[in-house]
Structures are given as structure tokens and as C-alpha cells.
C-alpha atoms as a PDB file:
ATOM      1  CA  MET A   1       0.000   0.000   0.000  1.00  0.00           C
ATOM      2  CA  LEU A   2       1.236   3.473  -0.878  1.00  0.00           C
ATOM      3  CA  THR A   3       1.721   5.877   2.003  1.00  0.00           C
ATOM      4  CA  VAL A   4       2.231   9.597   2.468  1.00  0.00           C
ATOM      5  CA  VAL A   5       4.269  10.408   5.562  1.00  0.00           C
ATOM      6  CA  ASP A   6       6.790  13.215   5.165  1.00  0.00           C
ATOM      7  CA  GLN A   7       6.468  16.808   4.054  1.00  0.00           C
ATOM      8  CA  GLU A   8       8.560  16.262   0.939  1.00  0.00           C
ATOM      9  CA  LYS A   9       6.216  13.605  -0.438  1.00  0.00           C
ATOM     10  CA  LEU A  10       3.156  15.604   0.599  1.00  0.00           C
ATOM     11  CA  ILE A  11       4.417  18.597  -1.389  1.00  0.00           C
ATOM     12  CA  ALA A  12       5.217  16.380  -4.376  1.00  0.00           C
ATOM     13  CA  ASP A  13       1.717  14.866  -4.315  1.00  0.00           C
ATOM     14  CA  ILE A  14       0.040  18.278  -4.132  1.00  0.00           C
ATOM     15  CA  ASP A  15       2.222  19.557  -6.959  1.00  0.00           C
ATOM     16  CA  ARG A  16       1.146  16.526  -8.980  1.00  0.00           C
ATOM     17  CA  ILE A  17      -2.496  17.457  -8.368  1.00  0.00           C
ATOM     18  CA  ALA A  18      -1.845  21.125  -9.213  1.00  0.00           C
ATOM     19  CA  ALA A  19      -0.358  20.048 -12.546  1.00  0.00           C
ATOM     20  CA  ILE A  20      -3.687  18.520 -13.592  1.00  0.00           C
ATOM     21  CA  ASP A  21      -6.145  20.780 -11.725  1.00  0.00           C
ATOM     22  CA  GLU A  22      -6.164  24.483 -12.570  1.00  0.00           C
ATOM     23  CA  ASN A  23      -8.148  25.388  -9.426  1.00  0.00           C
ATOM     24  CA  VAL A  24      -5.517  23.859  -7.145  1.00  0.00           C
ATOM     25  CA  LYS A  25      -2.757  25.479  -9.185  1.00  0.00           C
ATOM     26  CA  GLU A  26      -4.345  28.910  -8.672  1.00  0.00           C
ATOM     27  CA  ALA A  27      -5.083  28.385  -4.954  1.00  0.00           C
ATOM     28  CA  LEU A  28      -1.703  26.960  -3.966  1.00  0.00           C
ATOM     29  CA  PRO A  29       0.238  30.264  -4.007  1.00  0.00           C
ATOM     30  CA  ILE A  30      -2.496  31.825  -1.863  1.00  0.00           C
ATOM     31  CA  VAL A  31      -2.757  29.260   0.942  1.00  0.00           C
ATOM     32  CA  GLY A  32       0.492  27.314   0.611  1.00  0.00           C
ATOM     33  CA  TYR A  33       1.099  23.703   1.555  1.00  0.00           C
ATOM     34  CA  PRO A  34      -0.416  21.929   4.583  1.00  0.00           C
ATOM     35  CA  GLN A  35       1.576  19.955   7.125  1.00  0.00           C
ATOM     36  CA  PRO A  36       1.382  16.159   7.347  1.00  0.00           C
ATOM     37  CA  ARG A  37      -0.977  14.781   9.986  1.00  0.00           C
ATOM     38  CA  ILE A  38       0.280  11.694  11.763  1.00  0.00           C
ATOM     39  CA  ARG A  39      -1.546   9.862  14.546  1.00  0.00           C
ATOM     40  CA  PRO A  40      -0.327   6.736  16.328  1.00  0.00           C
ATOM     41  CA  LYS A  41      -1.709   3.377  15.280  1.00  0.00           C
ATOM     42  CA  GLY A  42      -4.033   1.527  17.608  1.00  0.00           C
ATOM     43  CA  PHE A  43      -6.509   1.941  20.407  1.00  0.00           C
ATOM     44  CA  GLU A  44      -5.677   5.517  21.432  1.00  0.00           C
ATOM     45  CA  THR A  45      -6.452   6.928  18.010  1.00  0.00           C
ATOM     46  CA  PHE A  46      -9.630   4.864  17.659  1.00  0.00           C
ATOM     47  CA  LEU A  47     -10.737   6.181  21.049  1.00  0.00           C
ATOM     48  CA  SER A  48      -9.993   9.776  20.045  1.00  0.00           C
ATOM     49  CA  ILE A  49     -12.113   9.303  16.911  1.00  0.00           C
ATOM     50  CA  ILE A  50     -15.052   8.190  19.074  1.00  0.00           C
ATOM     51  CA  VAL A  51     -14.552  11.116  21.443  1.00  0.00           C
ATOM     52  CA  GLY A  52     -14.406  13.665  18.639  1.00  0.00           C
ATOM     53  CA  GLN A  53     -17.629  12.647  16.956  1.00  0.00           C
ATOM     54  CA  GLN A  54     -20.138  15.543  16.775  1.00  0.00           C
ATOM     55  CA  ILE A  55     -18.422  17.790  19.342  1.00  0.00           C
ATOM     56  CA  SER A  56     -15.977  20.687  19.097  1.00  0.00           C
ATOM     57  CA  THR A  57     -12.237  20.203  19.008  1.00  0.00           C
ATOM     58  CA  ASP A  58     -11.837  21.910  22.381  1.00  0.00           C
ATOM     59  CA  ALA A  59     -14.486  19.713  24.013  1.00  0.00           C
ATOM     60  CA  ALA A  60     -12.866  16.595  22.581  1.00  0.00           C
ATOM     61  CA  LYS A  61      -9.448  17.647  23.906  1.00  0.00           C
ATOM     62  CA  ALA A  62     -10.887  18.195  27.392  1.00  0.00           C
ATOM     63  CA  ILE A  63     -12.489  14.744  27.440  1.00  0.00           C
ATOM     64  CA  MET A  64      -9.324  13.087  26.139  1.00  0.00           C
ATOM     65  CA  GLN A  65      -7.303  14.723  28.916  1.00  0.00           C
ATOM     66  CA  ARG A  66      -9.648  13.193  31.493  1.00  0.00           C
ATOM     67  CA  LEU A  67      -9.406   9.847  29.731  1.00  0.00           C
ATOM     68  CA  TYR A  68      -5.600   9.959  29.879  1.00  0.00           C
ATOM     69  CA  VAL A  69      -5.926  10.219  33.656  1.00  0.00           C
ATOM     70  CA  LEU A  70      -8.436   7.384  33.766  1.00  0.00           C
ATOM     71  CA  ILE A  71      -6.534   5.206  31.262  1.00  0.00           C
ATOM     72  CA  PRO A  72      -2.851   6.157  31.647  1.00  0.00           C
ATOM     73  CA  ASP A  73      -1.597   3.292  29.487  1.00  0.00           C
ATOM     74  CA  MET A  74      -4.240   3.840  26.799  1.00  0.00           C
ATOM     75  CA  LYS A  75      -4.784   0.117  26.360  1.00  0.00           C
ATOM     76  CA  ALA A  76      -7.998  -1.644  25.423  1.00  0.00           C
ATOM     77  CA  GLU A  77      -7.397  -4.165  28.202  1.00  0.00           C
ATOM     78  CA  THR A  78      -7.529  -1.387  30.785  1.00  0.00           C
ATOM     79  CA  VAL A  79     -10.751   0.047  29.378  1.00  0.00           C
ATOM     80  CA  ALA A  80     -12.347  -3.408  29.395  1.00  0.00           C
ATOM     81  CA  LYS A  81     -11.966  -3.442  33.177  1.00  0.00           C
ATOM     82  CA  LEU A  82     -13.631  -0.055  33.716  1.00  0.00           C
ATOM     83  CA  SER A  83     -17.302   0.311  34.515  1.00  0.00           C
ATOM     84  CA  PHE A  84     -19.837   2.275  32.510  1.00  0.00           C
ATOM     85  CA  GLU A  85     -20.011   4.858  35.302  1.00  0.00           C
ATOM     86  CA  GLU A  86     -16.230   5.302  35.418  1.00  0.00           C
ATOM     87  CA  LEU A  87     -16.106   6.101  31.717  1.00  0.00           C
ATOM     88  CA  ARG A  88     -19.035   8.503  32.086  1.00  0.00           C
ATOM     89  CA  THR A  89     -17.034  10.547  34.613  1.00  0.00           C
ATOM     90  CA  ALA A  90     -14.632  11.516  31.811  1.00  0.00           C
ATOM     91  CA  GLY A  91     -17.477  13.289  30.028  1.00  0.00           C
ATOM     92  CA  LEU A  92     -18.418  10.654  27.483  1.00  0.00           C
ATOM     93  CA  SER A  93     -22.075  10.400  26.527  1.00  0.00           C
ATOM     94  CA  ASN A  94     -23.888   7.144  27.188  1.00  0.00           C
ATOM     95  CA  ARG A  95     -23.645   6.238  23.511  1.00  0.00           C
ATOM     96  CA  LYS A  96     -19.924   6.970  23.369  1.00  0.00           C
ATOM     97  CA  VAL A  97     -19.332   4.874  26.483  1.00  0.00           C
ATOM     98  CA  GLU A  98     -21.051   2.005  24.670  1.00  0.00           C
ATOM     99  CA  TYR A  99     -18.858   2.576  21.612  1.00  0.00           C
ATOM    100  CA  THR A 100     -15.710   2.746  23.753  1.00  0.00           C
ATOM    101  CA  GLN A 101     -16.537  -0.454  25.599  1.00  0.00           C
ATOM    102  CA  GLY A 102     -17.413  -2.169  22.312  1.00  0.00           C
ATOM    103  CA  LEU A 103     -14.107  -1.060  20.772  1.00  0.00           C
ATOM    104  CA  ALA A 104     -12.128  -2.311  23.772  1.00  0.00           C
ATOM    105  CA  THR A 105     -13.928  -5.654  23.740  1.00  0.00           C
ATOM    106  CA  ALA A 106     -13.374  -6.084  19.994  1.00  0.00           C
ATOM    107  CA  ILE A 107      -9.636  -5.483  20.348  1.00  0.00           C
ATOM    108  CA  VAL A 108      -9.294  -7.725  23.407  1.00  0.00           C
ATOM    109  CA  ASP A 109     -11.225 -10.633  21.886  1.00  0.00           C
ATOM    110  CA  GLY A 110      -9.583 -10.242  18.474  1.00  0.00           C
ATOM    111  CA  SER A 111     -12.675  -9.180  16.541  1.00  0.00           C
ATOM    112  CA  LEU A 112     -10.643  -6.150  15.482  1.00  0.00           C
ATOM    113  CA  ASP A 113      -6.992  -6.979  14.830  1.00  0.00           C
ATOM    114  CA  VAL A 114      -5.425  -3.536  14.868  1.00  0.00           C
ATOM    115  CA  ASP A 115      -1.987  -4.777  13.836  1.00  0.00           C
ATOM    116  CA  ALA A 116      -3.415  -6.626  10.838  1.00  0.00           C
ATOM    117  CA  LEU A 117      -4.962  -3.448   9.401  1.00  0.00           C
ATOM    118  CA  ALA A 118      -1.575  -2.247   8.161  1.00  0.00           C
ATOM    119  CA  GLY A 119      -1.291  -5.287   5.908  1.00  0.00           C
ATOM    120  CA  MET A 120      -4.750  -4.962   4.384  1.00  0.00           C
ATOM    121  CA  ASP A 121      -5.673  -3.023   1.285  1.00  0.00           C
ATOM    122  CA  ASP A 122      -7.777   0.107   1.793  1.00  0.00           C
ATOM    123  CA  ASP A 123     -11.164  -1.501   1.162  1.00  0.00           C
ATOM    124  CA  ASN A 124     -10.600  -4.457   3.489  1.00  0.00           C
ATOM    125  CA  ALA A 125      -9.157  -2.245   6.235  1.00  0.00           C
ATOM    126  CA  ILE A 126     -12.209   0.035   6.027  1.00  0.00           C
ATOM    127  CA  ARG A 127     -14.569  -2.963   6.140  1.00  0.00           C
ATOM    128  CA  SER A 128     -12.810  -4.281   9.254  1.00  0.00           C
ATOM    129  CA  ILE A 129     -13.125  -0.948  11.042  1.00  0.00           C
ATOM    130  CA  ILE A 130     -16.754  -0.238  10.173  1.00  0.00           C
ATOM    131  CA  GLY A 131     -17.646  -3.662  11.533  1.00  0.00           C
ATOM    132  CA  ILE A 132     -17.184  -2.124  14.988  1.00  0.00           C
ATOM    133  CA  ARG A 133     -20.207  -0.261  16.335  1.00  0.00           C
ATOM    134  CA  GLY A 134     -19.696   3.485  16.332  1.00  0.00           C
ATOM    135  CA  PHE A 135     -17.359   3.556  13.333  1.00  0.00           C
ATOM    136  CA  GLY A 136     -18.633   4.579   9.930  1.00  0.00           C
ATOM    137  CA  VAL A 137     -16.792   5.019   6.674  1.00  0.00           C
ATOM    138  CA  TRP A 138     -15.622   8.541   7.592  1.00  0.00           C
ATOM    139  CA  SER A 139     -14.049   7.303  10.841  1.00  0.00           C
ATOM    140  CA  ALA A 140     -12.345   4.439   9.039  1.00  0.00           C
ATOM    141  CA  GLU A 141     -11.024   6.732   6.308  1.00  0.00           C
ATOM    142  CA  ILE A 142      -9.626   9.137   8.901  1.00  0.00           C
ATOM    143  CA  TYR A 143      -7.778   6.263  10.573  1.00  0.00           C
ATOM    144  CA  LEU A 144      -6.358   5.090   7.264  1.00  0.00           C
ATOM    145  CA  MET A 145      -5.221   8.596   6.368  1.00  0.00           C
ATOM    146  CA  PHE A 146      -3.663   9.682   9.653  1.00  0.00           C
ATOM    147  CA  SER A 147      -2.569   6.436  11.331  1.00  0.00           C
ATOM    148  CA  LEU A 148      -1.838   4.134   8.402  1.00  0.00           C
ATOM    149  CA  GLN A 149      -0.797   7.078   6.195  1.00  0.00           C
ATOM    150  CA  ARG A 150      -2.535   5.709   3.105  1.00  0.00           C
ATOM    151  CA  SER A 151      -1.995   7.955   0.099  1.00  0.00           C
ATOM    152  CA  ASP A 152      -5.280   7.740  -1.819  1.00  0.00           C
ATOM    153  CA  ILE A 153      -8.051   8.303   0.740  1.00  0.00           C
ATOM    154  CA  PHE A 154     -10.741  10.970   0.410  1.00  0.00           C
ATOM    155  CA  PRO A 155     -13.340  11.245   3.244  1.00  0.00           C
ATOM    156  CA  ALA A 156     -16.037  12.609   0.945  1.00  0.00           C
ATOM    157  CA  ASN A 157     -18.643  12.834   3.702  1.00  0.00           C
ATOM    158  CA  ASP A 158     -16.580  15.433   5.571  1.00  0.00           C
ATOM    159  CA  LEU A 159     -18.469  18.747   5.665  1.00  0.00           C
ATOM    160  CA  ALA A 160     -15.319  20.894   5.579  1.00  0.00           C
ATOM    161  CA  LEU A 161     -14.025  19.052   2.508  1.00  0.00           C
ATOM    162  CA  GLN A 162     -17.349  19.543   0.742  1.00  0.00           C
ATOM    163  CA  VAL A 163     -17.363  23.274   1.534  1.00  0.00           C
ATOM    164  CA  ALA A 164     -13.733  23.549   0.422  1.00  0.00           C
ATOM    165  CA  ILE A 165     -14.545  21.925  -2.919  1.00  0.00           C
ATOM    166  CA  GLN A 166     -17.480  24.303  -3.352  1.00  0.00           C
ATOM    167  CA  ARG A 167     -15.203  27.309  -2.775  1.00  0.00           C
ATOM    168  CA  LEU A 168     -12.275  25.938  -4.761  1.00  0.00           C
ATOM    169  CA  LYS A 169     -14.375  25.015  -7.772  1.00  0.00           C
ATOM    170  CA  GLY A 170     -16.758  27.986  -7.553  1.00  0.00           C
ATOM    171  CA  LEU A 171     -19.823  25.773  -7.270  1.00  0.00           C
ATOM    172  CA  GLU A 172     -23.242  27.280  -6.533  1.00  0.00           C
ATOM    173  CA  SER A 173     -23.974  24.791  -3.755  1.00  0.00           C
ATOM    174  CA  ARG A 174     -22.116  22.389  -1.503  1.00  0.00           C
ATOM    175  CA  PRO A 175     -21.563  19.088  -3.318  1.00  0.00           C
ATOM    176  CA  SER A 176     -23.001  15.839  -2.012  1.00  0.00           C
ATOM    177  CA  GLU A 177     -20.710  13.006  -0.982  1.00  0.00           C
ATOM    178  CA  LYS A 178     -21.008  11.454  -4.457  1.00  0.00           C
ATOM    179  CA  GLN A 179     -20.451  14.781  -6.200  1.00  0.00           C
ATOM    180  CA  ALA A 180     -17.431  15.532  -4.011  1.00  0.00           C
ATOM    181  CA  ARG A 181     -15.843  12.200  -4.918  1.00  0.00           C
ATOM    182  CA  GLN A 182     -16.495  12.821  -8.595  1.00  0.00           C
ATOM    183  CA  ALA A 183     -15.037  16.345  -8.412  1.00  0.00           C
ATOM    184  CA  ILE A 184     -11.616  15.113  -7.261  1.00  0.00           C
ATOM    185  CA  GLU A 185     -11.580  11.660  -8.846  1.00  0.00           C
ATOM    186  CA  HIS A 186      -8.776  12.744 -11.172  1.00  0.00           C
ATOM    187  CA  TRP A 187      -6.550  13.446  -8.141  1.00  0.00           C
ATOM    188  CA  ALA A 188      -5.932   9.714  -7.711  1.00  0.00           C
ATOM    189  CA  PRO A 189      -3.573   8.271  -6.533  1.00  0.00           C
ATOM    190  CA  CYS A 190      -2.840  11.332  -4.362  1.00  0.00           C
ATOM    191  CA  ARG A 191      -6.244  12.003  -2.821  1.00  0.00           C
ATOM    192  CA  SER A 192      -4.966  11.919   0.771  1.00  0.00           C
ATOM    193  CA  ALA A 193      -2.634  14.813  -0.004  1.00  0.00           C
ATOM    194  CA  GLY A 194      -5.528  16.489  -1.798  1.00  0.00           C
ATOM    195  CA  SER A 195      -7.713  16.086   1.282  1.00  0.00           C
ATOM    196  CA  LEU A 196      -5.059  17.719   3.460  1.00  0.00           C
ATOM    197  CA  PHE A 197      -4.828  20.560   0.975  1.00  0.00           C
ATOM    198  CA  LEU A 198      -8.604  21.028   0.991  1.00  0.00           C
ATOM    199  CA  TRP A 199      -8.744  21.192   4.799  1.00  0.00           C
ATOM    200  CA  HIS A 200      -5.895  23.722   4.667  1.00  0.00           C
ATOM    201  CA  PHE A 201      -7.738  25.680   1.969  1.00  0.00           C
ATOM    202  CA  TYR A 202     -10.950  25.576   3.998  1.00  0.00           C
ATOM    203  CA  ARG A 203      -9.215  27.272   6.947  1.00  0.00           C
ATOM    204  CA  GLY A 204      -7.079  29.721   5.021  1.00  0.00           C
ATOM    205  CA  ALA A 205      -8.756  30.677   1.770  1.00  0.00           C
ATOM    206  CA  PRO A 206     -10.601  33.991   1.404  1.00  0.00           C
ATOM    207  CA  THR A 207     -14.397  33.540   1.265  1.00  0.00           C
END
């Protein structure tokens, strides 16, 4: 599987996209290049994905800090021994406690083999992850991009990416997931770098 890890390759991939996409070529001098995003492989990152669902970045950080106190080793085995009430004290909703306990159980009993994900192709890795309750395609794609550093992932259901495509391409309305995928299909096999650029563009481009 191809990966994108360092800044040099990220820049090369974005330049490759700019060479075939006039909109990216025009935007690049304005916003510049993004930085790589690298998260550790394994339980900690999966937990942070659960925590961050549908809440602000600041709220997610606050909950994760409390979870680091509660789970200092950040291991699924430790979480499996905690009660529902103990996890609630960190600020997790009832649903997210259920997801967290389900994730821990899946890793402990082998239903989710985290180490094996690195050896799977993108589609099979995504299927393995979304088999765990609380993880949809977006969550799986984020893990593949940031933890496995796969080079051709595009989380098309991400609102910020859709808005960025609308602005970048001068569209009248925000594209749907299908339309977003179609709009950047020609960026393959560098769509992970393209996604990072779009998030960067979303934050830094003039509206």
C-alpha cells in the first residue's frame, strides 16, 4: 500500500495534483502547503475518533485529557476493566461509552486486529473498522489517512471538505458526498494529499 508520511512527499503529491487541476494550481500560491498529519496506530487513536464525533475540538481535547488520567496506558485491556459509570465521569455520553466499551472488547477478543490493518488493502481495512459499532466510513477513512498514512483516501462525507470543494471550484452549492468524490476523482492516486490541501484551503482561503 502506498503511504504519504513526510512533508517532501506531501508537497510532491500536491504539486502533482496542481499540474492537472487548474483550481488547485491557482489556490496553492495563496494558501500554501499543509503539514502532514500523523496519529499513532491503535486503540488511542480509535478512542480519540469516538470522542471527537459531533463535538468541538476543544471539548474533545478536554475529554481526552480526562481519559488519559483514567486510562494512563491507553490500552484496550484497561478500558475493558472499567465500569460504565467510570467512563461517564470523563465526560463521554452514554452512547460513546457504549462505543468505547465495544471497541475495547473487539480489540481484546480479536474481533478487530489492529496490527493486521496495516497489511490490508484500503477496502478491506475500512470494512474491518466499520464492523465495529460506532465507526462509519468517515471514521475508518480518517484512521487510514492519519494512522496508516494511506496515500489515496478521500473522506467525501466530511463537511469541511465539501465546503472547500465548493469554494475551490466555484460551485453554486455544496456538493453531495457522491459529487465531491467525482469532483476530485482525477486526483488519484494522491487524494490523501488532496484532502489535506482542501482542509488547509478551507481554513485559510478567502471567502
